[in-house]
Protein backbone atom coordinates (compact mmCIF):
# COMPACT_ATOMS: atom_id res chain seq x y z
CA UNK A 1 -11.89 -25.27 -6.19
CA UNK A 2 -9.42 -27.60 -4.49
CA UNK A 3 -11.10 -30.04 -2.18
CA UNK A 4 -9.44 -31.32 0.99
CA UNK A 5 -7.88 -34.74 0.69
CA UNK A 6 -10.29 -37.28 2.08
CA UNK A 7 -9.31 -38.52 5.54
CA UNK A 8 -6.86 -35.69 6.33
CA UNK A 9 -8.78 -32.47 5.73
CA UNK A 10 -5.65 -30.99 4.08
CA UNK A 11 -5.93 -29.36 0.65
CA UNK A 12 -3.92 -31.42 -1.84
CA UNK A 13 -1.61 -28.55 -2.98
CA UNK A 14 -0.47 -28.11 0.62
CA UNK A 15 0.62 -31.71 1.14
CA UNK A 16 3.87 -31.57 -0.84
CA UNK A 17 5.31 -28.36 0.65
CA UNK A 18 4.15 -29.43 4.11
CA UNK A 19 5.89 -32.79 3.63
CA UNK A 20 9.06 -31.05 2.48
CA UNK A 21 8.91 -28.79 5.52
CA UNK A 22 8.58 -31.78 7.83
CA UNK A 23 11.50 -33.55 6.15
CA UNK A 24 13.64 -30.40 6.29
CA UNK A 25 13.10 -30.04 10.03
CA UNK A 26 13.07 -33.68 11.09
CA UNK A 27 15.82 -35.27 8.97
CA UNK A 28 18.72 -33.49 10.74
CA UNK A 29 17.44 -34.82 14.07
CA UNK A 30 17.08 -38.28 12.59
CA UNK A 31 20.61 -38.04 11.24
CA UNK A 32 21.88 -37.16 14.70
CA UNK A 33 20.12 -40.17 16.21
CA UNK A 34 21.32 -42.53 13.47
CA UNK A 35 24.96 -41.44 13.57
CA UNK A 36 25.21 -41.24 17.36
CA UNK A 37 27.80 -43.63 18.89
CA UNK A 38 25.33 -45.37 21.18
CA UNK A 39 27.86 -47.99 22.32
CA UNK A 40 30.22 -45.27 23.56
CA UNK A 41 27.52 -43.18 25.17
CA UNK A 42 28.36 -43.92 28.81
CA UNK A 43 32.15 -43.42 28.49
CA UNK A 44 31.65 -40.16 26.62
CA UNK A 45 29.22 -38.81 29.19
CA UNK A 46 31.63 -39.61 32.02
CA UNK A 47 34.60 -38.01 30.26
CA UNK A 48 36.37 -35.16 32.10
CA UNK A 49 34.65 -31.84 31.67
CA UNK A 50 31.29 -33.14 30.45
CA UNK A 51 29.77 -33.24 33.92
CA UNK A 52 31.08 -29.78 34.73
CA UNK A 53 29.67 -28.35 31.50
CA UNK A 54 26.28 -29.97 32.12
CA UNK A 55 26.12 -28.77 35.72
CA UNK A 56 27.11 -25.24 34.72
CA UNK A 57 24.52 -25.22 31.94
CA UNK A 58 21.70 -26.36 34.21
CA UNK A 59 22.69 -23.99 37.01
CA UNK A 60 23.21 -20.92 34.83
CA UNK A 61 20.00 -21.53 32.86
CA UNK A 62 18.04 -21.88 36.11
CA UNK A 63 19.50 -18.71 37.63
CA UNK A 64 18.91 -16.83 34.36
CA UNK A 65 15.27 -17.98 34.39
CA UNK A 66 14.81 -16.83 37.99
CA UNK A 67 16.25 -13.42 37.11
CA UNK A 68 14.01 -13.27 34.07
CA UNK A 69 10.97 -14.02 36.22
CA UNK A 70 11.97 -11.36 38.72
CA UNK A 71 12.35 -8.67 36.05
CA UNK A 72 10.28 -10.00 33.15
CA UNK A 73 6.89 -10.51 34.82
CA UNK A 74 6.67 -6.88 36.04
CA UNK A 75 7.93 -5.71 32.66
CA UNK A 76 5.25 -7.74 30.88
CA UNK A 77 2.60 -6.19 33.13
CA UNK A 78 3.85 -2.71 32.23
CA UNK A 79 3.63 -3.55 28.53
CA UNK A 80 0.18 -5.15 28.77
CA UNK A 81 -1.70 -3.12 31.38
CA UNK A 82 -0.04 0.24 32.03
CA UNK A 83 -0.86 3.48 30.22
CA UNK A 84 2.62 4.96 30.08
CA UNK A 85 3.66 6.71 26.92
CA UNK A 86 6.01 5.01 24.52
CA UNK A 87 4.91 1.44 25.24
CA UNK A 88 5.32 0.48 21.60
CA UNK A 89 8.89 1.75 21.61
CA UNK A 90 9.57 -0.03 24.90
CA UNK A 91 8.14 -3.27 23.50
CA UNK A 92 10.38 -2.98 20.46
CA UNK A 93 13.45 -2.45 22.65
CA UNK A 94 12.55 -5.40 24.87
CA UNK A 95 12.22 -7.73 21.88
CA UNK A 96 15.46 -6.61 20.21
CA UNK A 97 17.43 -9.59 21.66
CA UNK A 98 15.07 -11.92 19.77
CA UNK A 99 16.31 -10.65 16.41
CA UNK A 100 19.77 -9.45 17.40
CA UNK A 101 22.59 -11.85 16.45
CA UNK A 102 23.76 -13.36 19.77
CA UNK A 103 27.39 -12.44 19.05
CA UNK A 104 26.32 -8.81 18.69
CA UNK A 105 24.52 -9.15 22.01
CA UNK A 106 27.77 -10.32 23.58
CA UNK A 107 29.61 -7.33 22.16
CA UNK A 108 26.90 -5.02 23.50
CA UNK A 109 27.26 -6.55 26.96
CA UNK A 110 31.00 -5.93 26.76
CA UNK A 111 30.41 -2.26 25.98
CA UNK A 112 28.29 -1.93 29.11
CA UNK A 113 29.85 -4.36 31.61
CA UNK A 114 33.44 -4.73 30.40
CA UNK A 115 36.27 -3.07 32.32
CA UNK A 116 36.04 -0.09 30.00
CA UNK A 117 32.26 -0.29 29.66
CA UNK A 118 29.65 2.24 30.67
CA UNK A 119 28.92 0.47 33.94
CA UNK A 120 31.80 -2.00 34.09
CA UNK A 121 34.45 0.69 34.50
CA UNK A 122 32.68 2.05 37.58
CA UNK A 123 32.29 -1.45 39.05
CA UNK A 124 35.98 -2.16 38.50
CA UNK A 125 37.25 1.16 39.85
CA UNK A 126 34.96 1.31 42.87
CA UNK A 127 34.61 -2.33 43.88
CA UNK A 128 37.31 -4.15 41.89
CA UNK A 129 34.58 -6.23 40.24
CA UNK A 130 35.22 -7.74 36.82
CA UNK A 131 32.28 -9.45 35.15
CA UNK A 132 33.44 -10.68 31.70
CA UNK A 133 34.87 -14.21 31.49
CA UNK A 134 33.23 -15.30 34.75
CA UNK A 135 30.30 -17.54 35.62
CA UNK A 136 28.33 -14.38 36.35
CA UNK A 137 28.90 -13.33 32.75
CA UNK A 138 27.36 -16.62 31.59
CA UNK A 139 24.21 -15.93 33.60
CA UNK A 140 23.99 -12.34 32.36
CA UNK A 141 24.42 -13.37 28.72
CA UNK A 142 21.77 -16.06 29.02
CA UNK A 143 19.35 -13.71 30.77
CA UNK A 144 19.82 -11.04 28.10
CA UNK A 145 19.02 -13.48 25.30
CA UNK A 146 16.28 -15.52 26.98
CA UNK A 147 14.19 -13.02 28.98
CA UNK A 148 12.27 -11.66 25.95
CA UNK A 149 10.69 -15.11 25.49
CA UNK A 150 9.27 -14.87 29.00
CA UNK A 151 8.12 -11.28 28.55
CA UNK A 152 6.27 -12.05 25.31
CA UNK A 153 4.54 -15.10 26.78
CA UNK A 154 3.44 -13.31 29.95
CA UNK A 155 2.33 -10.20 28.07
CA UNK A 156 0.19 -12.37 25.78
CA UNK A 157 -1.35 -14.11 28.78
CA UNK A 158 -2.08 -10.77 30.45
CA UNK A 159 -3.78 -9.44 27.32
CA UNK A 160 -5.90 -12.60 27.06
CA UNK A 161 -6.90 -12.60 30.75
CA UNK A 162 -10.27 -11.14 31.72
CA UNK A 163 -9.56 -7.80 33.41
CA UNK A 164 -13.01 -7.75 35.01
CA UNK A 165 -11.73 -9.87 37.89
CA UNK A 166 -9.17 -7.20 38.66
CA UNK A 167 -11.88 -4.53 38.46
CA UNK A 168 -13.99 -6.46 40.96
CA UNK A 169 -11.03 -6.75 43.34
CA UNK A 170 -10.49 -2.99 43.08
CA UNK A 171 -14.14 -2.27 43.88
CA UNK A 172 -13.82 -4.48 46.98
CA UNK A 173 -11.00 -2.30 48.27
CA UNK A 174 -7.90 -4.20 47.15
CA UNK A 175 -4.95 -2.02 46.22
CA UNK A 176 -3.05 -2.60 42.97
CA UNK A 177 -0.27 -4.66 44.56
CA UNK A 178 -2.75 -6.95 46.33
CA UNK A 179 -4.76 -7.29 43.13
CA UNK A 180 -1.62 -8.21 41.21
CA UNK A 181 -0.60 -10.86 43.76
CA UNK A 182 -3.98 -12.36 44.53
CA UNK A 183 -5.85 -12.00 41.23
CA UNK A 184 -3.60 -11.23 38.24
CA UNK A 185 -0.81 -13.71 38.91
CA UNK A 186 -3.16 -16.71 39.42
CA UNK A 187 -4.98 -15.75 36.20
CA UNK A 188 -1.81 -15.74 34.11
CA UNK A 189 0.05 -18.51 35.94
CA UNK A 190 -0.04 -20.89 32.92
CA UNK A 191 1.43 -18.16 30.71
CA UNK A 192 4.13 -17.42 33.28
CA UNK A 193 4.97 -21.12 33.52
CA UNK A 194 5.12 -21.54 29.74
CA UNK A 195 7.30 -18.45 29.40
CA UNK A 196 9.61 -19.66 32.15
CA UNK A 197 10.12 -23.02 30.48
CA UNK A 198 10.79 -21.39 27.11
CA UNK A 199 13.18 -18.97 28.78
CA UNK A 200 15.03 -21.82 30.50
CA UNK A 201 15.32 -23.80 27.28
CA UNK A 202 16.62 -20.77 25.38
CA UNK A 203 19.15 -20.03 28.13
CA UNK A 204 20.31 -23.64 28.12
CA UNK A 205 21.05 -23.49 24.39
CA UNK A 206 22.65 -20.05 24.34
CA UNK A 207 26.02 -19.95 22.52
CA UNK A 208 26.92 -16.72 20.74
CA UNK A 209 26.54 -14.14 23.50
CA UNK A 210 28.06 -16.54 26.02
CA UNK A 211 31.25 -17.30 24.12
CA UNK A 212 31.68 -13.60 23.27
CA UNK A 213 31.04 -12.15 26.71
CA UNK A 214 32.03 -15.04 29.01
CA UNK A 215 34.56 -17.01 26.99
CA UNK A 216 35.01 -20.76 26.92
CA UNK A 217 36.86 -21.78 30.09
CA UNK A 218 36.23 -25.34 31.33
CA UNK A 219 34.65 -25.43 34.76
CA UNK A 220 33.99 -21.67 34.79
CA UNK A 221 32.19 -20.55 31.64
CA UNK A 222 32.07 -23.61 29.37
CA UNK A 223 28.43 -24.59 29.01
CA UNK A 224 27.12 -27.56 27.04
CA UNK A 225 26.74 -25.71 23.70
CA UNK A 226 30.31 -24.44 24.02
CA UNK A 227 31.50 -27.94 24.89
CA UNK A 228 29.79 -29.26 21.75
CA UNK A 229 31.53 -26.63 19.62
CA UNK A 230 34.92 -27.46 21.12
CA UNK A 231 34.43 -31.23 20.87
CA UNK A 232 33.39 -30.98 17.22
CA UNK A 233 36.88 -29.76 16.36
CA UNK A 234 38.80 -32.50 18.12
CA UNK A 235 36.38 -35.43 18.74
CA UNK A 236 33.24 -35.52 16.55
CA UNK A 237 31.84 -38.54 18.40
CA UNK A 238 31.97 -36.66 21.69
CA UNK A 239 30.20 -33.75 20.01
CA UNK A 240 27.43 -36.13 18.90
CA UNK A 241 26.99 -37.45 22.43
CA UNK A 242 26.81 -33.97 23.93
CA UNK A 243 24.35 -32.96 21.22
CA UNK A 244 22.17 -35.91 22.17
CA UNK A 245 22.03 -34.66 25.75
CA UNK A 246 20.91 -31.22 24.62
CA UNK A 247 18.42 -32.80 22.20
CA UNK A 248 16.91 -34.89 24.99
CA UNK A 249 16.56 -31.83 27.23
CA UNK A 250 14.99 -29.82 24.40
CA UNK A 251 12.47 -32.54 23.56
CA UNK A 252 11.55 -32.95 27.22
CA UNK A 253 11.00 -29.19 27.45
CA UNK A 254 8.72 -29.16 24.41
CA UNK A 255 6.70 -32.11 25.69
CA UNK A 256 6.35 -30.42 29.05
CA UNK A 257 5.13 -27.24 27.39
CA UNK A 258 2.61 -29.02 25.21
CA UNK A 259 1.15 -31.32 27.83
CA UNK A 260 1.15 -29.06 30.87
CA UNK A 261 1.06 -25.36 30.01
CA UNK A 262 1.29 -24.29 26.40
CA UNK A 263 -2.07 -25.62 25.35
CA UNK A 264 -3.82 -23.96 28.28
CA UNK A 265 -2.18 -20.60 28.46
CA UNK A 266 -3.10 -19.11 25.12
CA UNK A 267 0.19 -17.23 25.24
CA UNK A 268 2.22 -16.70 22.08
CA UNK A 269 5.53 -18.48 21.80
CA UNK A 270 7.21 -16.19 19.29
């Protein structure tokens, strides 16, 4: 019987693979920090196009998160509390973007919203609206990829919440909508907040679906991940600086989740 290593509580055979796992995940970040051109940080950040890419990334990720909240919270409630048939199938469909290659997601969006798409053709013919290769396309691509993170977090919070409070509200005469607003939402607020932050972070880092469906046009559709990809081909130091910005945002997001919401919500982060 293997005894835990004294002082750590970790079984000895687990220490080596755990250490290798830590090194595998941490060393690339360390390499980015070590190789970053710290002396040229300010000039690189003020270079033309960087500010536009950062502003577009923050704006599109925020709008995508708001859309995800608007659609994802009701969807999570349907998955967690309703009795409709086919919930397992619906859950599988909702989580498809989590495992679908983002480029494939971009192609799928084209087939629906492109000028010859299922819905895009009607929008173009009736209203002269073209969605691909616009800022709207960026928001749609990010919402498509990021919303499942919110749905999973909120559904987990709903399943963990005590439904007896809702039952009491119903016995006191509250209708379902009032119960949802006044009882359910406050109960799962930490899960909603955690899901929203995860959704925002995923939207901020979205690349594949965005470049496929929205393109890479500076000032219009070029987000920070796309700017990193473009800079890596012509100016590696600029790519390192832009990567540092995204790394800082990602770390801040994780710290915010851990300290404020994630530890309290009990919601899964898958």
